[in-house]
Protein backbone atom coordinates (compact mmCIF):
# COMPACT_ATOMS: atom_id res chain seq x y z
CA UNK A 1 32.71 -20.65 108.35
CA UNK A 2 31.46 -19.98 111.90
CA UNK A 3 27.78 -19.70 110.88
CA UNK A 4 27.97 -23.11 109.19
CA UNK A 5 29.37 -24.73 112.33
CA UNK A 6 26.66 -23.11 114.45
CA UNK A 7 23.85 -24.23 112.16
CA UNK A 8 25.31 -27.73 111.80
CA UNK A 9 25.91 -28.27 115.52
CA UNK A 10 22.70 -26.69 116.79
CA UNK A 11 20.42 -29.55 115.63
CA UNK A 12 22.80 -32.09 117.17
CA UNK A 13 22.78 -30.25 120.50
CA UNK A 14 18.99 -30.04 120.44
CA UNK A 15 18.75 -33.75 119.66
CA UNK A 16 21.16 -34.58 122.52
CA UNK A 17 19.26 -32.47 125.07
CA UNK A 18 15.91 -33.79 123.85
CA UNK A 19 17.09 -37.39 124.29
CA UNK A 20 18.32 -36.65 127.82
CA UNK A 21 15.03 -34.97 128.72
CA UNK A 22 13.14 -38.00 127.41
CA UNK A 23 15.28 -40.33 129.54
CA UNK A 24 14.57 -38.23 132.65
CA UNK A 25 10.83 -38.22 131.92
CA UNK A 26 10.62 -41.98 131.48
CA UNK A 27 12.47 -42.76 134.71
CA UNK A 28 10.39 -40.31 136.75
CA UNK A 29 7.08 -41.91 135.76
CA UNK A 30 7.50 -44.77 138.23
CA UNK A 31 7.54 -44.71 141.99
CA UNK A 32 9.95 -47.19 143.54
CA UNK A 33 8.25 -50.41 144.64
CA UNK A 34 8.33 -50.60 148.42
CA UNK A 35 8.33 -46.82 148.90
CA UNK A 36 6.44 -46.06 152.14
CA UNK A 37 4.62 -42.90 153.26
CA UNK A 38 2.61 -42.11 156.40
CA UNK A 39 -0.19 -39.59 156.65
CA UNK A 40 -3.91 -38.94 156.79
CA UNK A 41 -6.47 -40.53 154.48
CA UNK A 42 -9.90 -39.21 153.57
CA UNK A 43 -12.41 -40.53 151.04
CA UNK A 44 -14.33 -39.22 148.03
CA UNK A 45 -17.97 -38.31 148.44
CA UNK A 46 -20.69 -39.57 146.13
CA UNK A 47 -20.84 -36.30 144.16
CA UNK A 48 -17.71 -37.35 142.24
CA UNK A 49 -19.22 -40.66 141.10
CA UNK A 50 -19.16 -40.90 137.29
CA UNK A 51 -16.82 -37.92 136.81
CA UNK A 52 -13.65 -38.26 134.77
CA UNK A 53 -10.47 -38.78 136.81
CA UNK A 54 -6.98 -37.47 136.00
CA UNK A 55 -6.02 -40.70 134.20
CA UNK A 56 -9.14 -40.56 132.00
CA UNK A 57 -11.20 -43.26 133.74
CA UNK A 58 -14.67 -42.61 135.15
CA UNK A 59 -14.70 -42.51 138.94
CA UNK A 60 -16.68 -45.33 140.55
CA UNK A 61 -16.98 -45.02 144.33
CA UNK A 62 -17.24 -48.81 144.64
CA UNK A 63 -13.90 -49.54 142.93
CA UNK A 64 -10.55 -49.69 144.74
CA UNK A 65 -9.08 -46.37 143.58
CA UNK A 66 -7.50 -43.28 145.11
CA UNK A 67 -6.23 -39.76 144.51
CA UNK A 68 -2.64 -38.85 145.42
CA UNK A 69 -0.62 -35.77 144.52
CA UNK A 70 2.87 -37.26 144.66
CA UNK A 71 2.67 -40.70 143.07
CA UNK A 72 2.38 -41.34 139.32
CA UNK A 73 -1.08 -42.13 137.98
CA UNK A 74 -1.87 -45.85 137.58
CA UNK A 75 0.47 -46.83 140.44
CA UNK A 76 -0.87 -49.53 142.78
CA UNK A 77 -0.44 -48.93 146.50
CA UNK A 78 -1.25 -50.92 149.61
CA UNK A 79 -2.98 -48.72 152.16
CA UNK A 80 -3.00 -49.82 155.81
CA UNK A 81 -5.31 -48.23 158.37
CA UNK A 82 -2.95 -47.77 161.32
CA UNK A 83 -5.84 -47.79 163.83
CA UNK A 84 -7.18 -51.26 162.99
CA UNK A 85 -4.44 -52.74 160.72
CA UNK A 86 -6.89 -53.43 157.84
CA UNK A 87 -5.33 -53.16 154.37
CA UNK A 88 -6.48 -52.65 150.80
CA UNK A 89 -4.70 -52.31 147.43
CA UNK A 90 -5.85 -49.35 145.32
CA UNK A 91 -4.92 -47.80 141.98
CA UNK A 92 -3.96 -44.12 141.86
CA UNK A 93 -6.34 -42.67 139.26
CA UNK A 94 -6.75 -39.05 140.31
CA UNK A 95 -5.22 -35.96 141.92
CA UNK A 96 -6.35 -34.00 144.96
CA UNK A 97 -6.64 -30.24 145.27
CA UNK A 98 -3.06 -28.87 145.45
CA UNK A 99 -3.70 -27.22 148.84
CA UNK A 100 -5.02 -30.46 150.37
CA UNK A 101 -2.72 -31.50 153.23
CA UNK A 102 -3.88 -35.14 153.26
CA UNK A 103 -1.71 -37.92 151.89
CA UNK A 104 -4.37 -39.87 150.00
CA UNK A 105 -8.07 -39.65 149.16
CA UNK A 106 -9.65 -43.08 148.76
CA UNK A 107 -12.84 -44.22 147.06
CA UNK A 108 -15.72 -44.96 149.42
CA UNK A 109 -15.37 -48.68 148.67
CA UNK A 110 -11.73 -48.65 149.80
CA UNK A 111 -12.60 -46.57 152.89
CA UNK A 112 -15.31 -49.08 153.83
CA UNK A 113 -12.85 -51.98 153.60
CA UNK A 114 -10.43 -50.03 155.80
CA UNK A 115 -13.23 -49.39 158.30
CA UNK A 116 -13.11 -45.61 158.69
CA UNK A 117 -16.18 -44.31 156.84
CA UNK A 118 -17.81 -43.28 160.14
CA UNK A 119 -14.79 -41.18 161.16
CA UNK A 120 -14.13 -39.59 157.75
CA UNK A 121 -10.35 -39.54 158.29
CA UNK A 122 -7.75 -42.02 159.49
CA UNK A 123 -3.99 -42.37 159.82
CA UNK A 124 -2.54 -44.63 157.13
CA UNK A 125 0.60 -46.23 155.79
CA UNK A 126 0.85 -46.12 151.97
CA UNK A 127 3.25 -48.54 150.28
CA UNK A 128 3.91 -48.71 146.54
CA UNK A 129 3.38 -52.31 145.41
CA UNK A 130 3.44 -52.04 141.61
CA UNK A 131 3.57 -49.73 138.63
CA UNK A 132 2.14 -52.47 136.41
CA UNK A 133 -1.33 -52.01 134.91
CA UNK A 134 -1.85 -55.79 135.12
CA UNK A 135 -1.27 -55.92 138.89
CA UNK A 136 -4.99 -55.87 139.74
CA UNK A 137 -5.64 -58.76 137.35
CA UNK A 138 -2.90 -60.86 138.97
CA UNK A 139 -3.92 -60.16 142.59
CA UNK A 140 -7.70 -60.91 142.25
């Protein structure tokens, strides 16, 4: 009788644990709106133009995009240059090298709007504004 109970309950246990794992995955895909981080920003060089990013899009150095290792892909963040208070909203489309100590790596277009292309690096505030893929369409 014991083998029957084991074989009957095992699929139910697997189903239960699989459902819980799925719930944990779906909640961890979004960063909380309003979450704020401070750190150093750099920007992508032209050699990456046209290459595939982590979310599958082609990188365009003129678009408002960025690489970040901690936020989910396709999250929209407002980046503020703390030196001159200029801001820009970018979409997280890529990842940086795991050993990179910087907070965010912006496209050249975003770096130009923030006014730090000449310096190469700047101190920034990064704030999550949306996890919605339609955010850029609404804010134009």
